[in-house]
């Protein structure tokens, strides 16, 4: 059984040598450059819609870059 997402989880990732923070919350997903506050943010509904428009199956496996579309 999966654990419900009830609070925000933050993780650091590195893309092309640049550090970013990914925040996954019950409302959606946000990615920001480390040390900054603003960045692209998508609700779960927007993420599903973007995946379907890009020819995906709605399960997060859709093509395209959803953060660039927001």
Protein backbone atom coordinates (compact mmCIF):
# COMPACT_ATOMS: atom_id res chain seq x y z
CA UNK A 1 0.00 0.00 0.00
CA UNK A 2 1.36 3.42 -0.96
CA UNK A 3 1.81 6.23 1.56
CA UNK A 4 -0.45 9.24 1.07
CA UNK A 5 1.25 12.54 0.31
CA UNK A 6 0.18 14.78 3.18
CA UNK A 7 3.04 17.28 3.37
CA UNK A 8 5.67 18.76 1.07
CA UNK A 9 8.74 16.70 0.24
CA UNK A 10 11.83 18.57 -0.99
CA UNK A 11 14.75 17.01 -2.82
CA UNK A 12 17.82 18.43 -4.52
CA UNK A 13 18.69 17.37 -8.06
CA UNK A 14 21.51 18.36 -10.37
CA UNK A 15 20.94 19.15 -14.05
CA UNK A 16 23.97 19.98 -16.20
CA UNK A 17 25.99 20.95 -13.13
CA UNK A 18 23.29 23.28 -11.73
CA UNK A 19 21.52 22.49 -8.43
CA UNK A 20 17.71 22.61 -8.30
CA UNK A 21 15.14 21.96 -5.58
CA UNK A 22 12.08 19.87 -6.39
CA UNK A 23 9.10 20.24 -4.06
CA UNK A 24 6.34 17.64 -4.29
CA UNK A 25 3.22 18.57 -2.35
CA UNK A 26 -0.43 17.49 -2.20
CA UNK A 27 -1.16 20.48 -4.48
CA UNK A 28 1.43 19.75 -7.18
CA UNK A 29 5.11 19.96 -8.16
CA UNK A 30 7.50 22.94 -8.16
CA UNK A 31 11.12 23.17 -9.32
CA UNK A 32 13.40 26.08 -8.45
CA UNK A 33 17.05 26.83 -8.91
CA UNK A 34 18.76 26.33 -5.57
CA UNK A 35 18.98 29.62 -3.70
CA UNK A 36 15.96 31.10 -5.47
CA UNK A 37 12.27 31.18 -4.50
CA UNK A 38 10.46 31.36 -7.82
CA UNK A 39 10.20 28.64 -10.40
CA UNK A 40 7.76 26.72 -12.56
CA UNK A 41 4.90 25.13 -10.67
CA UNK A 42 2.21 22.73 -11.85
CA UNK A 43 -0.83 21.38 -10.07
CA UNK A 44 -1.47 17.66 -10.39
CA UNK A 45 -4.44 18.39 -12.65
CA UNK A 46 -2.28 20.56 -14.95
CA UNK A 47 0.37 17.84 -15.06
CA UNK A 48 -2.18 15.23 -16.11
CA UNK A 49 -3.68 17.56 -18.73
CA UNK A 50 -0.23 18.39 -20.15
CA UNK A 51 0.61 14.69 -20.37
CA UNK A 52 -2.61 13.93 -22.25
CA UNK A 53 -2.11 16.81 -24.70
CA UNK A 54 1.41 15.60 -25.46
CA UNK A 55 0.07 12.18 -26.43
CA UNK A 56 0.79 10.58 -23.08
CA UNK A 57 -1.40 8.14 -21.26
CA UNK A 58 -2.14 10.48 -18.35
CA UNK A 59 0.03 8.43 -16.04
CA UNK A 60 2.99 10.78 -16.03
CA UNK A 61 4.57 9.04 -19.00
CA UNK A 62 3.61 11.74 -21.48
CA UNK A 63 6.17 13.30 -23.75
CA UNK A 64 7.23 16.89 -23.84
CA UNK A 65 8.44 19.16 -21.05
CA UNK A 66 5.47 20.07 -18.83
CA UNK A 67 7.41 22.72 -16.89
CA UNK A 68 8.07 24.68 -20.07
CA UNK A 69 4.35 24.64 -20.87
CA UNK A 70 3.14 26.28 -17.65
